[in-house]
Amino acid sequence: MVSQLSETGKDVAMPRHAKSLGVFITGSASGIGLHVTGRLLAQGHRVWATDLRRDALEAAAKTHNWPESLVTLAGLDVVDEAGWQTTYEQAIASLGGIDVHLNIAGFLRPAWVAEATSQDVHRHLDINVKGVVFGTQQAARHMTDRGHGHIINIASLASLSPVPGLSLYSASKFAVRAYSVAAALELRDHGVAVTTICPDAVQTPMLDLQVGHEEASLTFSGNRALTVEEVGRAIERALAKRPIEIHLPRSRAWLAKVANLMPQLSSSIQKRLQARGRARQADIRSRDPSSTT
């Protein structure tokens, strides 16, 4: 057995096969995907790292000294179903089988309902929903044939309660969570686990781009942003325990669930949280004027 850190920082036992996992990851060039890719490589796992931006992926590999003996870099547009099939076949042949599949790539652009463009609609639903569905399907077909495997999909606390100002993002993550939980219940009898991880705001480039948008004020209403390290530990916890869902942090998850159950009654709380978020956005902009775009 291999010992790793859980979400709480305590050691948890990893499955015996985790000593040398074959892992497929989307969105490896930045944010959560970048951190998780490096973390898994540092633990000696064999990783097929993908991203739409092949140049950014190659730059990340060079900057972070990813070991060429363990990592394969591949360009992948998660919206391209044919591209998924080709890339997955190559990954299976290269790794000898995929033990863990992580759908991390995502898209977000804040916009009020009346101001969102048709491109916003397509990109949120294509990247966040279709990308996860196509990836989960590829992994499920391969893993059910083998009789084991683990699919981990990154959703959001925005999948627990609709977020004004991020309506498209929230809708896409609701779909990701619903699809992933259904897949978990469907695939468990085939030896395949599906875990949905729902984090609050995480300090990544995706969070940075929201600082200058009033529509995204609820994103900044928590005490602090999560770190990519915390999400990485949650993924390790998922690999060890194979839960259906993990919510980060639990306190904000409960608040989101209550707001979802009573949307009309929660409107006054929402306004206070939006005011708090706007104050945090203003503070961030005062300390870093370049963050307004």
Protein backbone atom coordinates (compact mmCIF):
# COMPACT_ATOMS: atom_id res chain seq x y z
CA MET A 1 0.00 0.00 0.00
CA VAL A 2 1.08 3.57 -0.69
CA SER A 3 0.37 6.35 1.81
CA GLN A 4 -0.96 9.69 0.51
CA LEU A 5 -2.52 12.81 2.01
CA SER A 6 -6.29 13.13 2.36
CA GLU A 7 -8.31 16.34 2.12
CA THR A 8 -7.74 16.90 5.85
CA GLY A 9 -3.98 16.47 5.55
CA LYS A 10 -3.99 13.06 7.25
CA ASP A 11 -2.43 10.00 5.68
CA VAL A 12 -4.79 7.63 3.91
CA ALA A 13 -3.98 4.31 2.32
CA MET A 14 -3.98 4.28 -1.48
CA PRO A 15 -4.96 1.17 -3.46
CA ARG A 16 -2.08 -1.21 -4.18
CA HIS A 17 -2.25 -0.54 -7.94
CA ALA A 18 -1.80 3.21 -7.31
CA LYS A 19 1.95 2.66 -7.24
CA SER A 20 1.93 2.85 -11.02
CA LEU A 21 -1.35 4.13 -12.42
CA GLY A 22 -2.06 4.85 -16.05
CA VAL A 23 -3.81 8.25 -15.95
CA PHE A 24 -5.59 10.30 -18.63
CA ILE A 25 -6.11 14.02 -17.87
CA THR A 26 -7.79 16.89 -19.73
CA GLY A 27 -6.90 20.55 -19.12
CA SER A 28 -3.31 19.85 -18.09
CA ALA A 29 -1.86 23.16 -19.28
CA SER A 30 -3.11 25.36 -16.44
CA GLY A 31 -4.94 25.60 -13.14
CA ILE A 32 -6.12 22.43 -11.44
CA GLY A 33 -5.09 20.25 -14.36
CA LEU A 34 -1.54 21.60 -14.33
CA HIS A 35 -1.13 20.96 -10.61
CA VAL A 36 -2.70 17.50 -10.65
CA THR A 37 -0.62 16.42 -13.63
CA GLY A 38 2.59 17.43 -11.87
CA ARG A 39 1.46 15.84 -8.60
CA LEU A 40 0.72 12.49 -10.23
CA LEU A 41 3.99 12.51 -12.15
CA ALA A 42 5.89 13.27 -8.95
CA GLN A 43 4.28 10.16 -7.43
CA GLY A 44 5.59 8.04 -10.31
CA HIS A 45 2.36 7.56 -12.24
CA ARG A 46 2.27 7.37 -16.04
CA VAL A 47 0.24 10.29 -17.37
CA TRP A 48 -1.31 11.08 -20.74
CA ALA A 49 -1.65 14.88 -20.39
CA THR A 50 -3.96 16.69 -22.81
CA ASP A 51 -5.08 20.22 -23.50
CA LEU A 52 -6.60 22.18 -26.37
CA ARG A 53 -3.51 24.42 -26.33
CA ARG A 54 -0.66 22.13 -27.29
CA ASP A 55 1.87 24.98 -27.15
CA ALA A 56 0.86 25.88 -23.58
CA LEU A 57 1.01 22.20 -22.64
CA GLU A 58 4.55 21.88 -23.98
CA ALA A 59 5.57 25.07 -22.16
CA ALA A 60 4.13 23.73 -18.91
CA ALA A 61 6.00 20.46 -19.29
CA LYS A 62 9.25 22.31 -19.85
CA THR A 63 8.73 24.82 -17.05
CA HIS A 64 7.82 22.16 -14.48
CA ASN A 65 10.33 19.57 -15.67
CA TRP A 66 7.79 16.84 -16.25
CA PRO A 67 9.71 13.57 -16.75
CA GLU A 68 9.54 12.50 -20.39
CA SER A 69 9.68 8.87 -19.32
CA LEU A 70 6.32 9.20 -17.55
CA VAL A 71 4.34 11.81 -19.48
CA THR A 72 2.92 11.98 -22.99
CA LEU A 73 1.60 15.33 -24.25
CA ALA A 74 -1.34 15.45 -26.64
CA GLY A 75 -3.50 18.19 -28.08
CA LEU A 76 -7.19 17.47 -27.55
CA ASP A 77 -10.32 19.52 -28.19
CA VAL A 78 -12.78 17.96 -25.74
CA VAL A 79 -15.67 18.99 -27.99
CA ASP A 80 -14.34 16.82 -30.84
CA GLU A 81 -15.87 13.36 -30.46
CA ALA A 82 -13.74 11.86 -33.23
CA GLY A 83 -10.65 13.43 -31.67
CA TRP A 84 -11.55 11.79 -28.38
CA GLN A 85 -11.67 8.34 -29.95
CA THR A 86 -8.36 8.72 -31.75
CA THR A 87 -6.55 10.18 -28.75
CA TYR A 88 -7.96 7.59 -26.37
CA GLU A 89 -6.92 4.69 -28.56
CA GLN A 90 -3.40 6.12 -28.67
CA ALA A 91 -3.36 6.57 -24.88
CA ILE A 92 -4.55 3.03 -24.23
CA ALA A 93 -1.88 1.63 -26.53
CA SER A 94 0.81 3.79 -24.93
CA LEU A 95 -0.16 3.20 -21.28
CA GLY A 96 -1.26 -0.37 -21.70
CA GLY A 97 -4.61 0.61 -20.20
CA ILE A 98 -6.09 3.59 -18.36
CA ASP A 99 -6.74 3.18 -14.64
CA VAL A 100 -7.82 6.73 -13.83
CA HIS A 101 -9.51 9.29 -16.07
CA LEU A 102 -9.78 12.93 -14.96
CA ASN A 103 -12.08 15.39 -16.78
CA ILE A 104 -10.70 18.74 -15.62
CA ALA A 105 -10.87 21.03 -18.68
CA GLY A 106 -13.53 23.72 -18.31
CA PHE A 107 -14.78 27.10 -19.47
CA LEU A 108 -16.29 30.10 -17.68
CA ARG A 109 -17.26 33.59 -18.76
CA PRO A 110 -19.38 35.73 -16.41
CA ALA A 111 -22.46 37.28 -18.01
CA TRP A 112 -25.93 38.38 -17.00
CA VAL A 113 -28.71 36.32 -18.58
CA ALA A 114 -29.75 39.04 -21.04
CA GLU A 115 -26.16 39.81 -22.04
CA ALA A 116 -24.70 36.35 -22.69
CA THR A 117 -23.85 35.76 -26.33
CA SER A 118 -24.69 32.70 -28.40
CA GLN A 119 -20.98 31.85 -28.32
CA ASP A 120 -21.13 31.89 -24.52
CA VAL A 121 -24.00 29.41 -24.63
CA HIS A 122 -22.21 27.06 -27.01
CA ARG A 123 -18.83 27.18 -25.25
CA HIS A 124 -20.24 26.49 -21.78
CA LEU A 125 -22.35 23.58 -22.93
CA ASP A 126 -19.83 22.22 -25.42
CA ILE A 127 -16.72 22.31 -23.24
CA ASN A 128 -18.17 21.77 -19.78
CA VAL A 129 -20.93 19.32 -20.61
CA LYS A 130 -20.20 17.60 -23.92
CA GLY A 131 -16.48 17.43 -23.14
CA VAL A 132 -17.16 15.61 -19.88
CA VAL A 133 -19.75 13.32 -21.48
CA PHE A 134 -17.46 12.34 -24.38
CA GLY A 135 -14.55 11.73 -22.00
CA THR A 136 -16.65 9.74 -19.54
CA GLN A 137 -18.02 7.60 -22.38
CA GLN A 138 -14.55 6.78 -23.68
CA ALA A 139 -13.33 5.89 -20.21
CA ALA A 140 -16.45 3.86 -19.37
CA ARG A 141 -16.19 1.71 -22.51
CA HIS A 142 -12.55 0.96 -21.85
CA MET A 143 -12.87 0.42 -18.11
CA THR A 144 -15.99 -1.76 -18.18
CA ASP A 145 -14.20 -4.06 -20.63
CA ARG A 146 -11.34 -4.34 -18.12
CA GLY A 147 -13.62 -4.64 -15.10
CA HIS A 148 -12.00 -1.79 -13.15
CA GLY A 149 -11.17 1.89 -13.30
CA HIS A 150 -11.95 5.29 -11.81
CA ILE A 151 -13.41 8.36 -13.53
CA ILE A 152 -13.13 11.69 -11.73
CA ASN A 153 -15.10 14.68 -13.02
CA ILE A 154 -14.55 18.22 -11.76
CA ALA A 155 -17.84 20.05 -11.24
CA SER A 156 -18.32 22.99 -8.84
CA LEU A 157 -20.34 24.14 -5.87
CA ALA A 158 -22.22 25.99 -8.63
CA SER A 159 -23.65 22.55 -9.44
CA LEU A 160 -25.44 22.52 -6.06
CA SER A 161 -27.18 25.90 -6.28
CA PRO A 162 -27.79 28.19 -9.28
CA VAL A 163 -25.48 31.21 -9.30
CA PRO A 164 -26.83 34.54 -10.61
CA GLY A 165 -24.28 36.13 -12.93
CA LEU A 166 -22.86 32.71 -13.78
CA SER A 167 -26.10 31.15 -15.05
CA LEU A 168 -24.52 29.34 -17.99
CA TYR A 169 -21.59 28.04 -15.96
CA SER A 170 -23.93 26.93 -13.18
CA ALA A 171 -26.27 25.21 -15.66
CA SER A 172 -23.35 23.38 -17.26
CA LYS A 173 -22.02 22.19 -13.90
CA PHE A 174 -25.50 21.07 -12.80
CA ALA A 175 -25.48 18.90 -15.91
CA VAL A 176 -21.98 17.59 -15.15
CA ARG A 177 -22.97 16.61 -11.62
CA ALA A 178 -26.25 14.97 -12.67
CA TYR A 179 -24.58 13.02 -15.46
CA SER A 180 -21.66 11.98 -13.26
CA VAL A 181 -23.81 10.75 -10.37
CA ALA A 182 -26.00 8.80 -12.79
CA ALA A 183 -22.88 7.31 -14.36
CA ALA A 184 -21.54 6.37 -10.92
CA LEU A 185 -24.70 4.44 -10.08
CA GLU A 186 -24.74 2.78 -13.49
CA LEU A 187 -21.08 1.76 -13.64
CA ARG A 188 -20.40 0.64 -10.07
CA ASP A 189 -21.58 -2.91 -10.77
CA HIS A 190 -18.97 -3.08 -13.55
CA GLY A 191 -16.10 -2.31 -11.19
CA VAL A 192 -15.84 1.31 -12.35
CA ALA A 193 -16.07 4.19 -9.85
CA VAL A 194 -17.17 7.70 -10.84
CA THR A 195 -16.43 10.55 -8.44
CA THR A 196 -17.67 14.10 -8.85
CA ILE A 197 -15.58 16.76 -7.08
CA CYS A 198 -17.43 20.01 -6.42
CA PRO A 199 -15.05 22.73 -5.23
CA ASP A 200 -15.80 26.33 -4.34
CA ALA A 201 -13.76 29.01 -6.11
CA VAL A 202 -10.18 27.82 -6.70
CA GLN A 203 -7.21 30.16 -7.14
CA THR A 204 -6.55 29.59 -10.85
CA PRO A 205 -6.54 31.70 -14.03
CA MET A 206 -10.29 30.98 -14.27
CA LEU A 207 -10.78 32.80 -10.95
CA ASP A 208 -8.49 35.66 -11.96
CA LEU A 209 -10.58 36.47 -15.02
CA GLN A 210 -13.66 36.97 -12.81
CA VAL A 211 -12.19 39.70 -10.59
CA GLY A 212 -13.31 42.55 -12.85
CA HIS A 213 -16.85 41.28 -13.34
CA GLU A 214 -19.64 42.33 -10.98
CA GLU A 215 -21.64 39.36 -12.30
CA ALA A 216 -19.14 37.07 -10.56
CA SER A 217 -19.45 38.66 -7.10
CA LEU A 218 -20.85 35.48 -5.52
CA THR A 219 -17.67 33.67 -6.58
CA PHE A 220 -15.74 35.87 -4.14
CA SER A 221 -18.22 35.70 -1.23
CA GLY A 222 -16.39 32.96 0.67
CA ASN A 223 -13.71 33.49 3.30
CA ARG A 224 -10.99 32.60 0.80
CA ALA A 225 -10.34 30.80 -2.45
CA LEU A 226 -9.34 27.15 -2.35
CA THR A 227 -5.87 26.23 -3.56
CA VAL A 228 -5.09 23.76 -6.32
CA GLU A 229 -3.26 21.75 -3.65
CA GLU A 230 -6.53 21.30 -1.76
CA VAL A 231 -8.24 20.02 -4.89
CA GLY A 232 -5.27 17.73 -5.51
CA ARG A 233 -5.66 16.25 -2.02
CA ALA A 234 -9.38 15.77 -2.67
CA ILE A 235 -8.51 13.79 -5.79
CA GLU A 236 -6.16 11.61 -3.73
CA ARG A 237 -8.96 11.08 -1.23
CA ALA A 238 -11.24 10.09 -4.11
CA LEU A 239 -8.71 7.55 -5.37
CA ALA A 240 -8.42 6.03 -1.92
CA LYS A 241 -12.10 5.99 -0.92
CA ARG A 242 -13.93 5.99 -4.30
CA PRO A 243 -16.84 8.17 -3.09
CA ILE A 244 -19.58 9.33 -5.45
CA GLU A 245 -19.12 13.00 -4.48
CA ILE A 246 -16.73 15.29 -2.64
CA HIS A 247 -17.72 18.87 -1.77
CA LEU A 248 -15.14 21.55 -0.87
CA PRO A 249 -15.50 23.09 1.65
CA ARG A 250 -18.39 21.36 3.38
CA SER A 251 -19.65 24.56 5.04
CA ARG A 252 -20.15 26.35 1.72
CA ALA A 253 -21.66 23.19 0.22
CA TRP A 254 -24.36 23.13 2.91
CA LEU A 255 -25.09 26.81 2.27
CA ALA A 256 -25.46 26.07 -1.44
CA LYS A 257 -27.79 23.13 -0.76
CA VAL A 258 -30.03 25.26 1.47
CA ALA A 259 -30.14 28.00 -1.16
CA ASN A 260 -31.12 25.43 -3.77
CA LEU A 261 -33.93 24.05 -1.60
CA MET A 262 -35.37 27.50 -0.82
CA PRO A 263 -34.38 29.88 -3.64
CA GLN A 264 -37.03 32.50 -2.81
CA LEU A 265 -36.22 32.57 0.89
CA SER A 266 -32.48 32.70 0.19
CA SER A 267 -32.63 35.91 -1.87
CA SER A 268 -31.81 38.14 1.13
CA ILE A 269 -28.79 35.98 1.98
CA GLN A 270 -27.74 36.13 -1.67
CA LYS A 271 -27.73 39.93 -1.62
CA ARG A 272 -25.51 39.99 1.47
CA LEU A 273 -23.13 37.50 -0.11
CA GLN A 274 -23.00 39.52 -3.33
CA ALA A 275 -22.13 42.65 -1.36
CA ARG A 276 -19.40 40.74 0.43
CA GLY A 277 -18.09 39.41 -2.88
CA ARG A 278 -18.02 42.87 -4.47
CA ALA A 279 -16.02 44.17 -1.52
CA ARG A 280 -13.49 41.36 -1.96
CA GLN A 281 -13.27 42.02 -5.69
CA ALA A 282 -12.61 45.71 -5.00
CA ASP A 283 -9.91 44.79 -2.49
CA ILE A 284 -8.21 42.48 -4.99
CA ARG A 285 -8.33 45.17 -7.69
CA SER A 286 -6.87 47.78 -5.31
CA ARG A 287 -3.93 45.50 -4.61
CA ASP A 288 -3.51 44.41 -8.22
CA PRO A 289 -4.84 46.93 -10.80
CA SER A 290 -3.95 44.51 -13.64
CA SER A 291 -6.71 42.17 -12.43
CA THR A 292 -9.55 44.32 -13.79
CA THR A 293 -9.69 42.62 -17.21
